[in-house]
PDB file of N, CA and C in Angstrom:
ATOM      1  N   MET A   1     -58.256  18.621  -4.146  1.00  0.00           N
ATOM      2  CA  MET A   1     -56.949  18.633  -3.519  1.00  0.00           C
ATOM      3  C   MET A   1     -56.356  20.028  -3.642  1.00  0.00           C
ATOM      4  N   LEU A   2     -55.594  20.416  -2.657  1.00  0.00           N
ATOM      5  CA  LEU A   2     -54.988  21.737  -2.654  1.00  0.00           C
ATOM      6  C   LEU A   2     -53.741  21.769  -3.519  1.00  0.00           C
ATOM      7  N   ALA A   3     -53.370  22.949  -3.920  1.00  0.00           N
ATOM      8  CA  ALA A   3     -52.198  23.123  -4.780  1.00  0.00           C
ATOM      9  C   ALA A   3     -50.935  22.587  -4.105  1.00  0.00           C
ATOM     10  N   ALA A   4     -50.127  21.892  -4.861  1.00  0.00           N
ATOM     11  CA  ALA A   4     -48.905  21.300  -4.322  1.00  0.00           C
ATOM     12  C   ALA A   4     -47.807  22.332  -4.118  1.00  0.00           C
ATOM     13  N   THR A   5     -47.831  23.362  -4.902  1.00  0.00           N
ATOM     14  CA  THR A   5     -46.802  24.390  -4.815  1.00  0.00           C
ATOM     15  C   THR A   5     -47.485  25.707  -4.539  1.00  0.00           C
ATOM     16  N   SER A   6     -46.884  26.512  -3.704  1.00  0.00           N
ATOM     17  CA  SER A   6     -47.478  27.784  -3.343  1.00  0.00           C
ATOM     18  C   SER A   6     -46.471  28.908  -3.510  1.00  0.00           C
ATOM     19  N   HIS A   7     -46.968  30.111  -3.538  1.00  0.00           N
ATOM     20  CA  HIS A   7     -46.102  31.281  -3.685  1.00  0.00           C
ATOM     21  C   HIS A   7     -45.910  31.942  -2.331  1.00  0.00           C
ATOM     22  N   ALA A   8     -44.719  31.855  -1.760  1.00  0.00           N
ATOM     23  CA  ALA A   8     -44.430  32.510  -0.500  1.00  0.00           C
ATOM     24  C   ALA A   8     -44.118  33.979  -0.752  1.00  0.00           C
ATOM     25  N   CYS A   9     -43.374  34.240  -1.797  1.00  0.00           N
ATOM     26  CA  CYS A   9     -43.017  35.592  -2.211  1.00  0.00           C
ATOM     27  C   CYS A   9     -43.181  35.656  -3.719  1.00  0.00           C
ATOM     28  N   PRO A  10     -43.463  36.831  -4.248  1.00  0.00           N
ATOM     29  CA  PRO A  10     -43.587  36.917  -5.706  1.00  0.00           C
ATOM     30  C   PRO A  10     -42.344  36.371  -6.394  1.00  0.00           C
ATOM     31  N   GLY A  11     -42.557  35.470  -7.316  1.00  0.00           N
ATOM     32  CA  GLY A  11     -41.443  34.922  -8.081  1.00  0.00           C
ATOM     33  C   GLY A  11     -40.689  33.792  -7.405  1.00  0.00           C
ATOM     34  N   VAL A  12     -41.040  33.454  -6.161  1.00  0.00           N
ATOM     35  CA  VAL A  12     -40.338  32.399  -5.435  1.00  0.00           C
ATOM     36  C   VAL A  12     -41.336  31.280  -5.141  1.00  0.00           C
ATOM     37  N   MET A  13     -41.001  30.056  -5.560  1.00  0.00           N
ATOM     38  CA  MET A  13     -41.876  28.916  -5.324  1.00  0.00           C
ATOM     39  C   MET A  13     -41.423  28.200  -4.059  1.00  0.00           C
ATOM     40  N   THR A  14     -42.376  27.869  -3.203  1.00  0.00           N
ATOM     41  CA  THR A  14     -42.078  27.145  -1.978  1.00  0.00           C
ATOM     42  C   THR A  14     -42.888  25.855  -1.986  1.00  0.00           C
ATOM     43  N   GLU A  15     -42.212  24.733  -1.903  1.00  0.00           N
ATOM     44  CA  GLU A  15     -42.885  23.441  -1.888  1.00  0.00           C
ATOM     45  C   GLU A  15     -43.302  23.133  -0.458  1.00  0.00           C
ATOM     46  N   LEU A  16     -44.584  22.849  -0.274  1.00  0.00           N
ATOM     47  CA  LEU A  16     -45.074  22.450   1.040  1.00  0.00           C
ATOM     48  C   LEU A  16     -44.791  20.966   1.228  1.00  0.00           C
ATOM     49  N   SER A  17     -44.540  20.566   2.473  1.00  0.00           N
ATOM     50  CA  SER A  17     -44.252  19.159   2.739  1.00  0.00           C
ATOM     51  C   SER A  17     -45.483  18.308   2.451  1.00  0.00           C
ATOM     52  N   GLU A  18     -45.245  17.040   2.205  1.00  0.00           N
ATOM     53  CA  GLU A  18     -46.351  16.113   1.956  1.00  0.00           C
ATOM     54  C   GLU A  18     -47.279  16.052   3.163  1.00  0.00           C
ATOM     55  N   ARG A  19     -46.725  16.089   4.354  1.00  0.00           N
ATOM     56  CA  ARG A  19     -47.537  16.060   5.581  1.00  0.00           C
ATOM     57  C   ARG A  19     -48.422  17.300   5.648  1.00  0.00           C
ATOM     58  N   THR A  20     -47.861  18.456   5.341  1.00  0.00           N
ATOM     59  CA  THR A  20     -48.643  19.693   5.371  1.00  0.00           C
ATOM     60  C   THR A  20     -49.774  19.637   4.353  1.00  0.00           C
ATOM     61  N   LYS A  21     -49.485  19.166   3.150  1.00  0.00           N
ATOM     62  CA  LYS A  21     -50.528  19.062   2.124  1.00  0.00           C
ATOM     63  C   LYS A  21     -51.619  18.093   2.562  1.00  0.00           C
ATOM     64  N   ALA A  22     -51.226  16.989   3.178  1.00  0.00           N
ATOM     65  CA  ALA A  22     -52.208  16.020   3.661  1.00  0.00           C
ATOM     66  C   ALA A  22     -53.065  16.636   4.773  1.00  0.00           C
ATOM     67  N   ASN A  23     -52.420  17.354   5.680  1.00  0.00           N
ATOM     68  CA  ASN A  23     -53.161  18.019   6.753  1.00  0.00           C
ATOM     69  C   ASN A  23     -54.154  19.031   6.184  1.00  0.00           C
ATOM     70  N   MET A  24     -53.723  19.771   5.181  1.00  0.00           N
ATOM     71  CA  MET A  24     -54.594  20.764   4.553  1.00  0.00           C
ATOM     72  C   MET A  24     -55.805  20.086   3.912  1.00  0.00           C
ATOM     73  N   ASP A  25     -55.582  18.980   3.224  1.00  0.00           N
ATOM     74  CA  ASP A  25     -56.680  18.254   2.585  1.00  0.00           C
ATOM     75  C   ASP A  25     -57.682  17.737   3.628  1.00  0.00           C
ATOM     76  N   VAL A  26     -57.168  17.161   4.711  1.00  0.00           N
ATOM     77  CA  VAL A  26     -58.037  16.624   5.765  1.00  0.00           C
ATOM     78  C   VAL A  26     -58.878  17.739   6.366  1.00  0.00           C
ATOM     79  N   VAL A  27     -58.237  18.854   6.696  1.00  0.00           N
ATOM     80  CA  VAL A  27     -58.947  19.967   7.327  1.00  0.00           C
ATOM     81  C   VAL A  27     -59.963  20.576   6.370  1.00  0.00           C
ATOM     82  N   LEU A  28     -59.613  20.709   5.110  1.00  0.00           N
ATOM     83  CA  LEU A  28     -60.554  21.258   4.131  1.00  0.00           C
ATOM     84  C   LEU A  28     -61.796  20.375   4.034  1.00  0.00           C
ATOM     85  N   GLU A  29     -61.597  19.075   3.920  1.00  0.00           N
ATOM     86  CA  GLU A  29     -62.730  18.160   3.799  1.00  0.00           C
ATOM     87  C   GLU A  29     -63.597  18.171   5.054  1.00  0.00           C
ATOM     88  N   GLU A  30     -62.962  18.126   6.226  1.00  0.00           N
ATOM     89  CA  GLU A  30     -63.717  18.129   7.478  1.00  0.00           C
ATOM     90  C   GLU A  30     -64.518  19.419   7.638  1.00  0.00           C
ATOM     91  N   THR A  31     -63.913  20.517   7.287  1.00  0.00           N
ATOM     92  CA  THR A  31     -64.572  21.815   7.437  1.00  0.00           C
ATOM     93  C   THR A  31     -65.731  21.955   6.461  1.00  0.00           C
ATOM     94  N   CYS A  32     -65.527  21.550   5.229  1.00  0.00           N
ATOM     95  CA  CYS A  32     -66.559  21.710   4.206  1.00  0.00           C
ATOM     96  C   CYS A  32     -67.742  20.785   4.428  1.00  0.00           C
ATOM     97  N   ARG A  33     -67.586  19.738   5.233  1.00  0.00           N
ATOM     98  CA  ARG A  33     -68.715  18.874   5.577  1.00  0.00           C
ATOM     99  C   ARG A  33     -69.790  19.648   6.330  1.00  0.00           C
ATOM    100  N   GLN A  34     -69.402  20.750   6.933  1.00  0.00           N
ATOM    101  CA  GLN A  34     -70.354  21.554   7.694  1.00  0.00           C
ATOM    102  C   GLN A  34     -71.192  22.463   6.790  1.00  0.00           C
ATOM    103  N   LEU A  35     -70.827  22.535   5.523  1.00  0.00           N
ATOM    104  CA  LEU A  35     -71.577  23.337   4.561  1.00  0.00           C
ATOM    105  C   LEU A  35     -72.550  22.447   3.801  1.00  0.00           C
ATOM    106  N   PRO A  36     -73.664  23.010   3.342  1.00  0.00           N
ATOM    107  CA  PRO A  36     -74.593  22.201   2.548  1.00  0.00           C
ATOM    108  C   PRO A  36     -73.898  21.600   1.327  1.00  0.00           C
ATOM    109  N   HIS A  37     -74.096  20.324   1.110  1.00  0.00           N
ATOM    110  CA  HIS A  37     -73.536  19.592  -0.036  1.00  0.00           C
ATOM    111  C   HIS A  37     -72.009  19.665  -0.108  1.00  0.00           C
ATOM    112  N   GLY A  38     -71.346  19.854   1.029  1.00  0.00           N
ATOM    113  CA  GLY A  38     -69.891  19.901   1.059  1.00  0.00           C
ATOM    114  C   GLY A  38     -69.308  21.225   0.609  1.00  0.00           C
ATOM    115  N   GLY A  39     -70.140  22.220   0.443  1.00  0.00           N
ATOM    116  CA  GLY A  39     -69.668  23.552   0.065  1.00  0.00           C
ATOM    117  C   GLY A  39     -69.591  23.746  -1.431  1.00  0.00           C
ATOM    118  N   ASP A  40     -69.885  24.959  -1.860  1.00  0.00           N
ATOM    119  CA  ASP A  40     -69.761  25.276  -3.280  1.00  0.00           C
ATOM    120  C   ASP A  40     -68.306  25.596  -3.607  1.00  0.00           C
ATOM    121  N   HIS A  41     -68.034  25.763  -4.878  1.00  0.00           N
ATOM    122  CA  HIS A  41     -66.657  25.990  -5.327  1.00  0.00           C
ATOM    123  C   HIS A  41     -66.030  27.207  -4.658  1.00  0.00           C
ATOM    124  N   ASP A  42     -66.775  28.309  -4.608  1.00  0.00           N
ATOM    125  CA  ASP A  42     -66.220  29.545  -4.049  1.00  0.00           C
ATOM    126  C   ASP A  42     -65.908  29.408  -2.560  1.00  0.00           C
ATOM    127  N   SER A  43     -66.781  28.740  -1.826  1.00  0.00           N
ATOM    128  CA  SER A  43     -66.549  28.545  -0.390  1.00  0.00           C
ATOM    129  C   SER A  43     -65.341  27.660  -0.149  1.00  0.00           C
ATOM    130  N   ARG A  44     -65.244  26.567  -0.894  1.00  0.00           N
ATOM    131  CA  ARG A  44     -64.098  25.669  -0.756  1.00  0.00           C
ATOM    132  C   ARG A  44     -62.795  26.394  -1.122  1.00  0.00           C
ATOM    133  N   ARG A  45     -62.850  27.182  -2.193  1.00  0.00           N
ATOM    134  CA  ARG A  45     -61.662  27.928  -2.611  1.00  0.00           C
ATOM    135  C   ARG A  45     -61.247  28.935  -1.537  1.00  0.00           C
ATOM    136  N   PHE A  46     -62.216  29.631  -0.959  1.00  0.00           N
ATOM    137  CA  PHE A  46     -61.928  30.618   0.084  1.00  0.00           C
ATOM    138  C   PHE A  46     -61.216  29.956   1.259  1.00  0.00           C
ATOM    139  N   ILE A  47     -61.744  28.834   1.725  1.00  0.00           N
ATOM    140  CA  ILE A  47     -61.126  28.119   2.843  1.00  0.00           C
ATOM    141  C   ILE A  47     -59.751  27.600   2.447  1.00  0.00           C
ATOM    142  N   ALA A  48     -59.625  27.042   1.254  1.00  0.00           N
ATOM    143  CA  ALA A  48     -58.336  26.519   0.781  1.00  0.00           C
ATOM    144  C   ALA A  48     -57.285  27.620   0.709  1.00  0.00           C
ATOM    145  N   GLU A  49     -57.678  28.795   0.237  1.00  0.00           N
ATOM    146  CA  GLU A  49     -56.720  29.909   0.163  1.00  0.00           C
ATOM    147  C   GLU A  49     -56.232  30.300   1.545  1.00  0.00           C
ATOM    148  N   ARG A  50     -57.134  30.302   2.505  1.00  0.00           N
ATOM    149  CA  ARG A  50     -56.737  30.610   3.882  1.00  0.00           C
ATOM    150  C   ARG A  50     -55.784  29.545   4.426  1.00  0.00           C
ATOM    151  N   LEU A  51     -56.045  28.291   4.095  1.00  0.00           N
ATOM    152  CA  LEU A  51     -55.163  27.210   4.541  1.00  0.00           C
ATOM    153  C   LEU A  51     -53.781  27.343   3.920  1.00  0.00           C
ATOM    154  N   ILE A  52     -53.717  27.684   2.656  1.00  0.00           N
ATOM    155  CA  ILE A  52     -52.430  27.860   1.982  1.00  0.00           C
ATOM    156  C   ILE A  52     -51.644  29.000   2.631  1.00  0.00           C
ATOM    157  N   GLU A  53     -52.311  30.109   2.889  1.00  0.00           N
ATOM    158  CA  GLU A  53     -51.644  31.242   3.547  1.00  0.00           C
ATOM    159  C   GLU A  53     -51.090  30.833   4.907  1.00  0.00           C
ATOM    160  N   ALA A  54     -51.883  30.071   5.658  1.00  0.00           N
ATOM    161  CA  ALA A  54     -51.438  29.627   6.981  1.00  0.00           C
ATOM    162  C   ALA A  54     -50.225  28.715   6.871  1.00  0.00           C
ATOM    163  N   ALA A  55     -50.280  27.775   5.939  1.00  0.00           N
ATOM    164  CA  ALA A  55     -49.156  26.839   5.768  1.00  0.00           C
ATOM    165  C   ALA A  55     -47.895  27.577   5.345  1.00  0.00           C
ATOM    166  N   GLN A  56     -48.040  28.563   4.480  1.00  0.00           N
ATOM    167  CA  GLN A  56     -46.885  29.341   4.045  1.00  0.00           C
ATOM    168  C   GLN A  56     -46.248  30.099   5.202  1.00  0.00           C
ATOM    169  N   SER A  57     -47.057  30.458   6.185  1.00  0.00           N
ATOM    170  CA  SER A  57     -46.524  31.207   7.324  1.00  0.00           C
ATOM    171  C   SER A  57     -46.060  30.281   8.448  1.00  0.00           C
ATOM    172  N   GLY A  58     -46.085  28.969   8.190  1.00  0.00           N
ATOM    173  CA  GLY A  58     -45.544  28.026   9.160  1.00  0.00           C
ATOM    174  C   GLY A  58     -46.563  27.334  10.040  1.00  0.00           C
ATOM    175  N   ARG A  59     -47.835  27.647   9.884  1.00  0.00           N
ATOM    176  CA  ARG A  59     -48.881  26.978  10.664  1.00  0.00           C
ATOM    177  C   ARG A  59     -49.333  25.764   9.866  1.00  0.00           C
ATOM    178  N   SER A  60     -48.835  24.591  10.239  1.00  0.00           N
ATOM    179  CA  SER A  60     -49.072  23.418   9.394  1.00  0.00           C
ATOM    180  C   SER A  60     -49.610  22.195  10.132  1.00  0.00           C
ATOM    181  N   THR A  61     -49.820  22.296  11.436  1.00  0.00           N
ATOM    182  CA  THR A  61     -50.369  21.143  12.148  1.00  0.00           C
ATOM    183  C   THR A  61     -51.877  21.073  11.921  1.00  0.00           C
ATOM    184  N   LEU A  62     -52.449  19.908  12.182  1.00  0.00           N
ATOM    185  CA  LEU A  62     -53.897  19.763  12.044  1.00  0.00           C
ATOM    186  C   LEU A  62     -54.628  20.770  12.921  1.00  0.00           C
ATOM    187  N   GLY A  63     -54.161  20.960  14.124  1.00  0.00           N
ATOM    188  CA  GLY A  63     -54.806  21.904  15.043  1.00  0.00           C
ATOM    189  C   GLY A  63     -54.758  23.333  14.542  1.00  0.00           C
ATOM    190  N   GLU A  64     -53.587  23.758  14.114  1.00  0.00           N
ATOM    191  CA  GLU A  64     -53.438  25.128  13.611  1.00  0.00           C
ATOM    192  C   GLU A  64     -54.275  25.355  12.357  1.00  0.00           C
ATOM    193  N   LEU A  65     -54.216  24.412  11.445  1.00  0.00           N
ATOM    194  CA  LEU A  65     -54.982  24.539  10.208  1.00  0.00           C
ATOM    195  C   LEU A  65     -56.479  24.462  10.488  1.00  0.00           C
ATOM    196  N   GLY A  66     -56.867  23.656  11.465  1.00  0.00           N
ATOM    197  CA  GLY A  66     -58.275  23.562  11.835  1.00  0.00           C
ATOM    198  C   GLY A  66     -58.816  24.890  12.337  1.00  0.00           C
ATOM    199  N   ILE A  67     -58.034  25.600  13.124  1.00  0.00           N
ATOM    200  CA  ILE A  67     -58.438  26.914  13.620  1.00  0.00           C
ATOM    201  C   ILE A  67     -58.628  27.871  12.452  1.00  0.00           C
ATOM    202  N   VAL A  68     -57.675  27.882  11.548  1.00  0.00           N
ATOM    203  CA  VAL A  68     -57.752  28.756  10.370  1.00  0.00           C
ATOM    204  C   VAL A  68     -59.002  28.432   9.552  1.00  0.00           C
ATOM    205  N   ALA A  69     -59.252  27.161   9.332  1.00  0.00           N
ATOM    206  CA  ALA A  69     -60.404  26.747   8.522  1.00  0.00           C
ATOM    207  C   ALA A  69     -61.720  27.110   9.202  1.00  0.00           C
ATOM    208  N   ARG A  70     -61.790  26.922  10.514  1.00  0.00           N
ATOM    209  CA  ARG A  70     -63.027  27.266  11.225  1.00  0.00           C
ATOM    210  C   ARG A  70     -63.283  28.766  11.190  1.00  0.00           C
ATOM    211  N   ARG A  71     -62.227  29.553  11.266  1.00  0.00           N
ATOM    212  CA  ARG A  71     -62.398  31.008  11.156  1.00  0.00           C
ATOM    213  C   ARG A  71     -62.884  31.394   9.769  1.00  0.00           C
ATOM    214  N   ALA A  72     -62.326  30.761   8.748  1.00  0.00           N
ATOM    215  CA  ALA A  72     -62.767  31.035   7.375  1.00  0.00           C
ATOM    216  C   ALA A  72     -64.225  30.624   7.199  1.00  0.00           C
ATOM    217  N   LEU A  73     -64.600  29.481   7.752  1.00  0.00           N
ATOM    218  CA  LEU A  73     -65.982  29.010   7.672  1.00  0.00           C
ATOM    219  C   LEU A  73     -66.917  29.997   8.376  1.00  0.00           C
ATOM    220  N   ALA A  74     -66.523  30.477   9.550  1.00  0.00           N
ATOM    221  CA  ALA A  74     -67.343  31.442  10.262  1.00  0.00           C
ATOM    222  C   ALA A  74     -67.516  32.723   9.462  1.00  0.00           C
ATOM    223  N   GLU A  75     -66.471  33.118   8.754  1.00  0.00           N
ATOM    224  CA  GLU A  75     -66.544  34.300   7.908  1.00  0.00           C
ATOM    225  C   GLU A  75     -67.533  34.077   6.761  1.00  0.00           C
ATOM    226  N   ILE A  76     -67.500  32.906   6.170  1.00  0.00           N
ATOM    227  CA  ILE A  76     -68.436  32.576   5.081  1.00  0.00           C
ATOM    228  C   ILE A  76     -69.869  32.595   5.607  1.00  0.00           C
ATOM    229  N   ILE A  77     -70.093  31.959   6.746  1.00  0.00           N
ATOM    230  CA  ILE A  77     -71.433  31.885   7.323  1.00  0.00           C
ATOM    231  C   ILE A  77     -71.907  33.288   7.719  1.00  0.00           C
ATOM    232  N   GLY A  78     -70.990  34.084   8.253  1.00  0.00           N
ATOM    233  CA  GLY A  78     -71.322  35.448   8.653  1.00  0.00           C
ATOM    234  C   GLY A  78     -71.751  36.323   7.486  1.00  0.00           C
ATOM    235  N   LYS A  79     -71.230  36.011   6.308  1.00  0.00           N
ATOM    236  CA  LYS A  79     -71.598  36.752   5.106  1.00  0.00           C
ATOM    237  C   LYS A  79     -72.887  36.229   4.488  1.00  0.00           C
ATOM    238  N   GLY A  80     -73.398  35.147   5.086  1.00  0.00           N
ATOM    239  CA  GLY A  80     -74.629  34.561   4.578  1.00  0.00           C
ATOM    240  C   GLY A  80     -74.441  33.647   3.408  1.00  0.00           C
ATOM    241  N   GLY A  81     -73.203  33.131   3.254  1.00  0.00           N
ATOM    242  CA  GLY A  81     -72.974  32.313   2.092  1.00  0.00           C
ATOM    243  C   GLY A  81     -72.346  31.032   2.395  1.00  0.00           C
TER     244      GLY A  81
END
């Protein structure tokens, strides 16, 4: 599961909505299914970090998060990992 609280600015905590957190979890799981064995820890963390950044910037729908996750996945695959 992704972190419930995120840092939008240094020293400032921003709580993501329950819907956004649920969307992030769904997209992370769907995306990692494309990796062998559901992805290793580093790959999952990389995608999750990208999802958190997107949500913090206001991109929180399944579609928006899906695009972010697919780009992160392509970056992982492009690096050979």
